[in-house]
Amino acid sequence: MTPAVIELSNVSLWRGNVQVLEDINLTVPPGAFLALLGPNGSGKTTLLRVILGLLSPSAGTVRVLGETPHGARGRVGYVPQHAAFDRDFPIHTEEVVCMGRLPRKRWLRHYDRKDHEAAHRALGTMEVAHLADRPVGTLSGGELQRVLIARALAMEPEVLLLDEPTASLDERIGRGVWEILEELSRTMTVVLVSHDIGAISHYVREVACLNRQLFMHPSGELSDEILEATYGCPVDLLAHGHPHRVLSPHSSERDE
């Protein structure tokens, strides 16, 4: 049997008196294209940080590429949802992408030819190679997001984790990013957080719904019942380009 790329066993995490993750069991096989779906505050970003080793679980075990999360660093690319950039800082796009090579370099080593070649390949993959010499502060939101994904790809990772990679993009640009991610998933394992249920149903191959607890859907198909359990209220499945109702009429104790 092929070893799992990511394996979480009975993982729980508490912040003070609040339980953020409860008894999470997740096995991600090689070549998966997995989306984590759930409402705000459901623990999606926290789960990514646990996989990265940025947070330690209160209970349970985490293995990434057969190692601890810290041992797998340098083999896992990450694109956070919010990346802070001083748009007045004098740095060019290619230099930003080269930063993705830092986990592979020894302390204080300069970028070499291989680093720049990897950066150019990553920019080409994200279809923004023409921006290599542009100051990063002049990029549009869509261009910057592609550059940040390129920075993660420059590491030449075996696993790519992304937190809301299309959240700030318009539908046309976001659709292009989804198509590139689908292509990337043929050569590496891709795990992402997204609120875009329509895109998830069209592009990804596996879905996990998270709201403190995890519900796995290996087929990538979502049912009304699963979404209601995840979001805590009835949710209509959506179709892009068609008039639709986001939420079915419902009531809750909070409404009373």
C-alpha atoms as a PDB file:
ATOM      1  CA  MET A   1       0.000   0.000   0.000  1.00  0.00           C
ATOM      2  CA  THR A   2       1.304   3.477  -0.910  1.00  0.00           C
ATOM      3  CA  PRO A   3       2.103   5.508   2.236  1.00  0.00           C
ATOM      4  CA  ALA A   4      -0.165   8.468   2.986  1.00  0.00           C
ATOM      5  CA  VAL A   5       1.222  11.913   2.195  1.00  0.00           C
ATOM      6  CA  ILE A   6      -0.601  13.446   5.172  1.00  0.00           C
ATOM      7  CA  GLU A   7      -1.947  11.445   8.106  1.00  0.00           C
ATOM      8  CA  LEU A   8      -3.668  12.867  11.174  1.00  0.00           C
ATOM      9  CA  SER A   9      -4.745  10.478  13.919  1.00  0.00           C
ATOM     10  CA  ASN A  10      -7.143  11.569  16.682  1.00  0.00           C
ATOM     11  CA  VAL A  11      -5.904  15.168  16.515  1.00  0.00           C
ATOM     12  CA  SER A  12      -7.489  17.677  18.874  1.00  0.00           C
ATOM     13  CA  LEU A  13      -6.462  21.228  19.662  1.00  0.00           C
ATOM     14  CA  TRP A  14      -7.581  23.531  22.452  1.00  0.00           C
ATOM     15  CA  ARG A  15      -7.048  27.264  22.793  1.00  0.00           C
ATOM     16  CA  GLY A  16      -7.683  28.014  26.416  1.00  0.00           C
ATOM     17  CA  ASN A  17     -11.133  26.630  27.183  1.00  0.00           C
ATOM     18  CA  VAL A  18     -12.170  26.519  23.510  1.00  0.00           C
ATOM     19  CA  GLN A  19     -11.763  23.327  21.499  1.00  0.00           C
ATOM     20  CA  VAL A  20     -10.843  24.299  17.927  1.00  0.00           C
ATOM     21  CA  LEU A  21     -10.296  20.803  16.501  1.00  0.00           C
ATOM     22  CA  GLU A  22     -11.936  17.649  17.830  1.00  0.00           C
ATOM     23  CA  ASP A  23     -10.645  14.128  17.197  1.00  0.00           C
ATOM     24  CA  ILE A  24      -9.571  14.749  13.574  1.00  0.00           C
ATOM     25  CA  ASN A  25      -8.682  11.677  11.509  1.00  0.00           C
ATOM     26  CA  LEU A  26      -7.490  12.429   7.995  1.00  0.00           C
ATOM     27  CA  THR A  27      -5.539  10.389   5.467  1.00  0.00           C
ATOM     28  CA  VAL A  28      -4.457  12.145   2.264  1.00  0.00           C
ATOM     29  CA  PRO A  29      -3.036   9.812  -0.414  1.00  0.00           C
ATOM     30  CA  PRO A  30      -0.418  10.813  -2.993  1.00  0.00           C
ATOM     31  CA  GLY A  31      -1.832  12.844  -5.872  1.00  0.00           C
ATOM     32  CA  ALA A  32      -4.927  13.989  -3.997  1.00  0.00           C
ATOM     33  CA  PHE A  33      -6.636  17.291  -4.831  1.00  0.00           C
ATOM     34  CA  LEU A  34      -8.433  17.912  -1.551  1.00  0.00           C
ATOM     35  CA  ALA A  35     -10.545  20.906  -0.539  1.00  0.00           C
ATOM     36  CA  LEU A  36     -11.370  21.771   3.067  1.00  0.00           C
ATOM     37  CA  LEU A  37     -14.792  23.370   3.277  1.00  0.00           C
ATOM     38  CA  GLY A  38     -16.453  24.982   6.271  1.00  0.00           C
ATOM     39  CA  PRO A  39     -17.791  28.203   7.784  1.00  0.00           C
ATOM     40  CA  ASN A  40     -15.631  30.974   9.228  1.00  0.00           C
ATOM     41  CA  GLY A  41     -14.117  29.928  12.531  1.00  0.00           C
ATOM     42  CA  SER A  42     -14.497  26.222  11.795  1.00  0.00           C
ATOM     43  CA  GLY A  43     -10.781  25.488  12.214  1.00  0.00           C
ATOM     44  CA  LYS A  44      -9.705  25.214   8.556  1.00  0.00           C
ATOM     45  CA  THR A  45      -6.679  27.517   8.773  1.00  0.00           C
ATOM     46  CA  THR A  46      -5.781  26.005  12.137  1.00  0.00           C
ATOM     47  CA  LEU A  47      -5.781  22.543  10.566  1.00  0.00           C
ATOM     48  CA  LEU A  48      -3.404  23.694   7.822  1.00  0.00           C
ATOM     49  CA  ARG A  49      -1.085  25.155  10.459  1.00  0.00           C
ATOM     50  CA  VAL A  50      -1.117  21.872  12.369  1.00  0.00           C
ATOM     51  CA  ILE A  51      -0.122  20.026   9.178  1.00  0.00           C
ATOM     52  CA  LEU A  52       2.677  22.564   8.645  1.00  0.00           C
ATOM     53  CA  GLY A  53       3.922  22.184  12.200  1.00  0.00           C
ATOM     54  CA  LEU A  54       3.217  25.840  13.000  1.00  0.00           C
ATOM     55  CA  LEU A  55       0.818  24.676  15.729  1.00  0.00           C
ATOM     56  CA  SER A  56       1.190  21.597  17.922  1.00  0.00           C
ATOM     57  CA  PRO A  57      -1.969  19.595  18.616  1.00  0.00           C
ATOM     58  CA  SER A  58      -3.157  19.131  22.182  1.00  0.00           C
ATOM     59  CA  ALA A  59      -3.649  15.441  21.425  1.00  0.00           C
ATOM     60  CA  GLY A  60      -3.059  13.037  18.549  1.00  0.00           C
ATOM     61  CA  THR A  61      -0.315  12.581  15.971  1.00  0.00           C
ATOM     62  CA  VAL A  62       0.546  14.237  12.651  1.00  0.00           C
ATOM     63  CA  ARG A  63       2.704  12.717   9.919  1.00  0.00           C
ATOM     64  CA  VAL A  64       3.634  14.463   6.675  1.00  0.00           C
ATOM     65  CA  LEU A  65       5.506  12.544   3.972  1.00  0.00           C
ATOM     66  CA  GLY A  66       6.289   9.897   6.573  1.00  0.00           C
ATOM     67  CA  GLU A  67       7.901  12.406   8.948  1.00  0.00           C
ATOM     68  CA  THR A  68       6.935  14.881  11.618  1.00  0.00           C
ATOM     69  CA  PRO A  69       5.727  18.220  10.201  1.00  0.00           C
ATOM     70  CA  HIS A  70       9.077  19.795  11.154  1.00  0.00           C
ATOM     71  CA  GLY A  71      10.971  16.992   9.450  1.00  0.00           C
ATOM     72  CA  ALA A  72       8.970  17.509   6.237  1.00  0.00           C
ATOM     73  CA  ARG A  73       9.753  21.229   5.973  1.00  0.00           C
ATOM     74  CA  GLY A  74      11.387  22.023   2.689  1.00  0.00           C
ATOM     75  CA  ARG A  75       9.086  19.533   0.963  1.00  0.00           C
ATOM     76  CA  VAL A  76       5.785  21.324   1.657  1.00  0.00           C
ATOM     77  CA  GLY A  77       4.786  24.596  -0.033  1.00  0.00           C
ATOM     78  CA  TYR A  78       2.343  26.972   1.673  1.00  0.00           C
ATOM     79  CA  VAL A  79       0.306  29.937   0.442  1.00  0.00           C
ATOM     80  CA  PRO A  80      -1.341  31.812   3.345  1.00  0.00           C
ATOM     81  CA  GLN A  81      -4.629  33.622   2.916  1.00  0.00           C
ATOM     82  CA  HIS A  82      -3.271  37.018   3.948  1.00  0.00           C
ATOM     83  CA  ALA A  83       0.272  37.953   2.938  1.00  0.00           C
ATOM     84  CA  ALA A  84       1.428  41.349   4.175  1.00  0.00           C
ATOM     85  CA  PHE A  85       3.583  43.313   1.739  1.00  0.00           C
ATOM     86  CA  ASP A  86       4.891  46.825   2.045  1.00  0.00           C
ATOM     87  CA  ARG A  87       4.106  48.019  -1.468  1.00  0.00           C
ATOM     88  CA  ASP A  88       6.781  50.685  -1.165  1.00  0.00           C
ATOM     89  CA  PHE A  89       9.522  48.163  -0.381  1.00  0.00           C
ATOM     90  CA  PRO A  90      11.922  48.009  -3.356  1.00  0.00           C
ATOM     91  CA  ILE A  91      11.721  44.336  -4.296  1.00  0.00           C
ATOM     92  CA  HIS A  92      10.980  42.784  -7.672  1.00  0.00           C
ATOM     93  CA  THR A  93       8.680  39.884  -8.421  1.00  0.00           C
ATOM     94  CA  GLU A  94      11.443  37.398  -9.176  1.00  0.00           C
ATOM     95  CA  GLU A  95      13.091  38.147  -5.832  1.00  0.00           C
ATOM     96  CA  VAL A  96       9.805  37.440  -4.032  1.00  0.00           C
ATOM     97  CA  VAL A  97       9.489  34.104  -5.819  1.00  0.00           C
ATOM     98  CA  CYS A  98      13.111  33.224  -5.024  1.00  0.00           C
ATOM     99  CA  MET A  99      12.188  33.464  -1.330  1.00  0.00           C
ATOM    100  CA  GLY A 100      10.428  30.151  -1.818  1.00  0.00           C
ATOM    101  CA  ARG A 101      13.878  28.591  -2.168  1.00  0.00           C
ATOM    102  CA  LEU A 102      14.998  29.619   1.335  1.00  0.00           C
ATOM    103  CA  PRO A 103      13.954  26.351   3.058  1.00  0.00           C
ATOM    104  CA  ARG A 104      16.323  24.513   0.690  1.00  0.00           C
ATOM    105  CA  LYS A 105      19.328  26.791   1.323  1.00  0.00           C
ATOM    106  CA  ARG A 106      21.901  27.000   4.060  1.00  0.00           C
ATOM    107  CA  TRP A 107      21.970  30.056   6.280  1.00  0.00           C
ATOM    108  CA  LEU A 108      22.978  33.284   4.481  1.00  0.00           C
ATOM    109  CA  ARG A 109      23.649  31.583   1.136  1.00  0.00           C
ATOM    110  CA  HIS A 110      22.917  33.778  -1.901  1.00  0.00           C
ATOM    111  CA  TYR A 111      20.481  32.685  -4.582  1.00  0.00           C
ATOM    112  CA  ASP A 112      22.266  30.770  -7.318  1.00  0.00           C
ATOM    113  CA  ARG A 113      21.445  29.816 -10.894  1.00  0.00           C
ATOM    114  CA  LYS A 114      19.278  26.877  -9.812  1.00  0.00           C
ATOM    115  CA  ASP A 115      17.231  29.164  -7.564  1.00  0.00           C
ATOM    116  CA  HIS A 116      16.553  31.636 -10.370  1.00  0.00           C
ATOM    117  CA  GLU A 117      15.740  28.835 -12.807  1.00  0.00           C
ATOM    118  CA  ALA A 118      13.228  27.388 -10.323  1.00  0.00           C
ATOM    119  CA  ALA A 119      11.711  30.854  -9.857  1.00  0.00           C
ATOM    120  CA  HIS A 120      11.331  31.329 -13.608  1.00  0.00           C
ATOM    121  CA  ARG A 121       9.681  27.907 -13.977  1.00  0.00           C
ATOM    122  CA  ALA A 122       7.251  28.724 -11.176  1.00  0.00           C
ATOM    123  CA  LEU A 123       6.374  32.101 -12.697  1.00  0.00           C
ATOM    124  CA  GLY A 124       5.823  30.387 -16.041  1.00  0.00           C
ATOM    125  CA  THR A 125       3.554  27.786 -14.466  1.00  0.00           C
ATOM    126  CA  MET A 126       1.427  30.567 -12.972  1.00  0.00           C
ATOM    127  CA  GLU A 127       1.472  32.411 -16.328  1.00  0.00           C
ATOM    128  CA  VAL A 128       3.131  35.541 -14.906  1.00  0.00           C
ATOM    129  CA  ALA A 129       6.713  35.177 -16.201  1.00  0.00           C
ATOM    130  CA  HIS A 130       6.374  38.583 -17.867  1.00  0.00           C
ATOM    131  CA  LEU A 131       6.157  40.160 -14.397  1.00  0.00           C
ATOM    132  CA  ALA A 132       9.591  38.945 -13.228  1.00  0.00           C
ATOM    133  CA  ASP A 133      11.201  42.408 -13.339  1.00  0.00           C
ATOM    134  CA  ARG A 134       8.187  44.339 -12.068  1.00  0.00           C
ATOM    135  CA  PRO A 135       8.248  45.880  -8.571  1.00  0.00           C
ATOM    136  CA  VAL A 136       5.926  43.712  -6.502  1.00  0.00           C
ATOM    137  CA  GLY A 137       4.149  46.830  -5.212  1.00  0.00           C
ATOM    138  CA  THR A 138       2.810  47.564  -8.713  1.00  0.00           C
ATOM    139  CA  LEU A 139       1.038  44.212  -9.122  1.00  0.00           C
ATOM    140  CA  SER A 140      -2.716  43.873  -9.115  1.00  0.00           C
ATOM    141  CA  GLY A 141      -4.414  41.625  -6.558  1.00  0.00           C
ATOM    142  CA  GLY A 142      -4.758  38.807  -9.069  1.00  0.00           C
ATOM    143  CA  GLU A 143      -1.158  39.120 -10.217  1.00  0.00           C
ATOM    144  CA  LEU A 144       0.134  39.144  -6.646  1.00  0.00           C
ATOM    145  CA  GLN A 145      -1.839  36.016  -5.762  1.00  0.00           C
ATOM    146  CA  ARG A 146      -0.325  34.148  -8.700  1.00  0.00           C
ATOM    147  CA  VAL A 147       3.134  35.348  -7.668  1.00  0.00           C
ATOM    148  CA  LEU A 148       2.596  34.089  -4.111  1.00  0.00           C
ATOM    149  CA  ILE A 149       1.596  30.665  -5.434  1.00  0.00           C
ATOM    150  CA  ALA A 150       4.690  30.765  -7.651  1.00  0.00           C
ATOM    151  CA  ARG A 151       6.794  31.482  -4.552  1.00  0.00           C
ATOM    152  CA  ALA A 152       5.498  28.258  -2.975  1.00  0.00           C
ATOM    153  CA  LEU A 153       6.099  26.340  -6.214  1.00  0.00           C
ATOM    154  CA  ALA A 154       9.704  27.576  -6.439  1.00  0.00           C
ATOM    155  CA  MET A 155      10.463  25.280  -3.495  1.00  0.00           C
ATOM    156  CA  GLU A 156       9.571  22.395  -5.837  1.00  0.00           C
ATOM    157  CA  PRO A 157       7.321  20.909  -3.154  1.00  0.00           C
ATOM    158  CA  GLU A 158       5.804  17.464  -2.982  1.00  0.00           C
ATOM    159  CA  VAL A 159       2.760  18.877  -1.176  1.00  0.00           C
ATOM    160  CA  LEU A 160       1.110  22.263  -1.747  1.00  0.00           C
ATOM    161  CA  LEU A 161      -1.145  23.792   0.932  1.00  0.00           C
ATOM    162  CA  LEU A 162      -3.208  26.874   0.102  1.00  0.00           C
ATOM    163  CA  ASP A 163      -5.514  28.950   2.301  1.00  0.00           C
ATOM    164  CA  GLU A 164      -8.331  30.550   0.251  1.00  0.00           C
ATOM    165  CA  PRO A 165      -6.233  30.933  -2.932  1.00  0.00           C
ATOM    166  CA  THR A 166      -9.026  32.660  -4.891  1.00  0.00           C
ATOM    167  CA  ALA A 167     -10.840  34.555  -2.113  1.00  0.00           C
ATOM    168  CA  SER A 168      -9.808  38.045  -3.269  1.00  0.00           C
ATOM    169  CA  LEU A 169     -10.025  37.394  -7.028  1.00  0.00           C
ATOM    170  CA  ASP A 170     -12.845  38.080  -9.434  1.00  0.00           C
ATOM    171  CA  GLU A 171     -14.564  35.062 -11.004  1.00  0.00           C
ATOM    172  CA  ARG A 172     -12.643  35.125 -14.303  1.00  0.00           C
ATOM    173  CA  ILE A 173      -9.186  35.339 -12.699  1.00  0.00           C
ATOM    174  CA  GLY A 174     -10.149  32.899  -9.968  1.00  0.00           C
ATOM    175  CA  ARG A 175     -11.291  30.357 -12.538  1.00  0.00           C
ATOM    176  CA  GLY A 176      -7.873  30.557 -14.211  1.00  0.00           C
ATOM    177  CA  VAL A 177      -6.138  29.888 -10.886  1.00  0.00           C
ATOM    178  CA  TRP A 178      -8.401  26.890 -10.228  1.00  0.00           C
ATOM    179  CA  GLU A 179      -7.489  25.459 -13.632  1.00  0.00           C
ATOM    180  CA  ILE A 180      -3.760  25.825 -12.899  1.00  0.00           C
ATOM    181  CA  LEU A 181      -4.194  24.171  -9.497  1.00  0.00           C
ATOM    182  CA  GLU A 182      -6.020  21.285 -11.120  1.00  0.00           C
ATOM    183  CA  GLU A 183      -3.101  20.853 -13.518  1.00  0.00           C
ATOM    184  CA  LEU A 184      -0.583  21.017 -10.642  1.00  0.00           C
ATOM    185  CA  SER A 185      -2.495  18.317  -8.769  1.00  0.00           C
ATOM    186  CA  ARG A 186      -1.408  15.840 -11.446  1.00  0.00           C
ATOM    187  CA  THR A 187       2.200  16.105 -10.285  1.00  0.00           C
ATOM    188  CA  MET A 188       1.861  16.869  -6.553  1.00  0.00           C
ATOM    189  CA  THR A 189      -0.602  16.574  -3.696  1.00  0.00           C
ATOM    190  CA  VAL A 190      -2.722  19.724  -3.322  1.00  0.00           C
ATOM    191  CA  VAL A 191      -4.745  20.597  -0.215  1.00  0.00           C
ATOM    192  CA  LEU A 192      -6.610  23.883   0.000  1.00  0.00           C
ATOM    193  CA  VAL A 193      -9.145  25.794   2.037  1.00  0.00           C
ATOM    194  CA  SER A 194     -11.987  27.426   0.118  1.00  0.00           C
ATOM    195  CA  HIS A 195     -15.468  28.872   0.547  1.00  0.00           C
ATOM    196  CA  ASP A 196     -16.191  28.471  -3.185  1.00  0.00           C
ATOM    197  CA  ILE A 197     -18.543  25.481  -3.180  1.00  0.00           C
ATOM    198  CA  GLY A 198     -19.189  25.779  -6.908  1.00  0.00           C
ATOM    199  CA  ALA A 199     -15.491  25.662  -7.802  1.00  0.00           C
ATOM    200  CA  ILE A 200     -14.918  22.808  -5.390  1.00  0.00           C
ATOM    201  CA  SER A 201     -17.623  20.706  -7.015  1.00  0.00           C
ATOM    202  CA  HIS A 202     -16.126  21.362 -10.470  1.00  0.00           C
ATOM    203  CA  TYR A 203     -12.375  21.014  -9.941  1.00  0.00           C
ATOM    204  CA  VAL A 204     -11.327  19.039  -6.861  1.00  0.00           C
ATOM    205  CA  ARG A 205     -11.392  15.268  -6.466  1.00  0.00           C
ATOM    206  CA  GLU A 206     -11.858  14.985  -2.705  1.00  0.00           C
ATOM    207  CA  VAL A 207     -13.693  17.155  -0.187  1.00  0.00           C
ATOM    208  CA  ALA A 208     -13.474  17.325   3.598  1.00  0.00           C
ATOM    209  CA  CYS A 209     -16.028  19.378   5.514  1.00  0.00           C
ATOM    210  CA  LEU A 210     -14.737  20.831   8.764  1.00  0.00           C
ATOM    211  CA  ASN A 211     -16.547  22.441  11.639  1.00  0.00           C
ATOM    212  CA  ARG A 212     -14.340  21.474  14.570  1.00  0.00           C
ATOM    213  CA  GLN A 213     -15.012  17.861  13.541  1.00  0.00           C
ATOM    214  CA  LEU A 214     -14.076  16.496  10.099  1.00  0.00           C
ATOM    215  CA  PHE A 215     -16.329  14.788   7.554  1.00  0.00           C
ATOM    216  CA  MET A 216     -14.446  13.241   4.623  1.00  0.00           C
ATOM    217  CA  HIS A 217     -15.921  12.776   1.115  1.00  0.00           C
ATOM    218  CA  PRO A 218     -13.461  10.865  -1.077  1.00  0.00           C
ATOM    219  CA  SER A 219     -15.727  11.092  -4.135  1.00  0.00           C
ATOM    220  CA  GLY A 220     -15.759  14.909  -4.055  1.00  0.00           C
ATOM    221  CA  GLU A 221     -19.556  14.925  -4.024  1.00  0.00           C
ATOM    222  CA  LEU A 222     -21.449  17.015  -1.500  1.00  0.00           C
ATOM    223  CA  SER A 223     -24.959  16.381  -0.259  1.00  0.00           C
ATOM    224  CA  ASP A 224     -27.443  18.801   1.298  1.00  0.00           C
ATOM    225  CA  GLU A 225     -27.325  16.761   4.509  1.00  0.00           C
ATOM    226  CA  ILE A 226     -23.526  16.982   4.836  1.00  0.00           C
ATOM    227  CA  LEU A 227     -23.491  20.726   4.171  1.00  0.00           C
ATOM    228  CA  GLU A 228     -26.256  21.286   6.714  1.00  0.00           C
ATOM    229  CA  ALA A 229     -24.287  19.292   9.305  1.00  0.00           C
ATOM    230  CA  THR A 230     -21.172  21.351   8.560  1.00  0.00           C
ATOM    231  CA  TYR A 231     -22.736  24.816   8.467  1.00  0.00           C
ATOM    232  CA  GLY A 232     -25.394  24.219  11.096  1.00  0.00           C
ATOM    233  CA  CYS A 233     -28.258  25.270   8.811  1.00  0.00           C
ATOM    234  CA  PRO A 234     -29.778  24.239   5.462  1.00  0.00           C
ATOM    235  CA  VAL A 235     -27.594  25.197   2.471  1.00  0.00           C
ATOM    236  CA  ASP A 236     -28.530  25.040  -1.187  1.00  0.00           C
ATOM    237  CA  LEU A 237     -25.902  23.697  -3.587  1.00  0.00           C
ATOM    238  CA  LEU A 238     -24.928  26.384  -6.090  1.00  0.00           C
ATOM    239  CA  ALA A 239     -24.365  26.514  -9.831  1.00  0.00           C
ATOM    240  CA  HIS A 240     -22.165  29.297 -11.250  1.00  0.00           C
ATOM    241  CA  GLY A 241     -23.868  31.574 -13.722  1.00  0.00           C
ATOM    242  CA  HIS A 242     -27.395  30.809 -12.537  1.00  0.00           C
ATOM    243  CA  PRO A 243     -29.667  32.683 -10.138  1.00  0.00           C
ATOM    244  CA  HIS A 244     -29.583  30.869  -6.856  1.00  0.00           C
ATOM    245  CA  ARG A 245     -30.474  31.045  -3.196  1.00  0.00           C
ATOM    246  CA  VAL A 246     -27.486  30.738  -0.867  1.00  0.00           C
ATOM    247  CA  LEU A 247     -29.431  29.697   2.206  1.00  0.00           C
ATOM    248  CA  SER A 248     -32.766  27.976   2.517  1.00  0.00           C
ATOM    249  CA  PRO A 249     -35.251  29.614   4.876  1.00  0.00           C
ATOM    250  CA  HIS A 250     -34.471  28.413   8.381  1.00  0.00           C
ATOM    251  CA  SER A 251     -34.536  29.449  11.968  1.00  0.00           C
ATOM    252  CA  SER A 252     -32.205  28.880  14.862  1.00  0.00           C
ATOM    253  CA  GLU A 253     -32.079  29.628  18.538  1.00  0.00           C
ATOM    254  CA  ARG A 254     -29.986  32.716  17.761  1.00  0.00           C
ATOM    255  CA  ASP A 255     -32.842  34.144  15.689  1.00  0.00           C
ATOM    256  CA  GLU A 256     -35.277  33.952  18.568  1.00  0.00           C
END
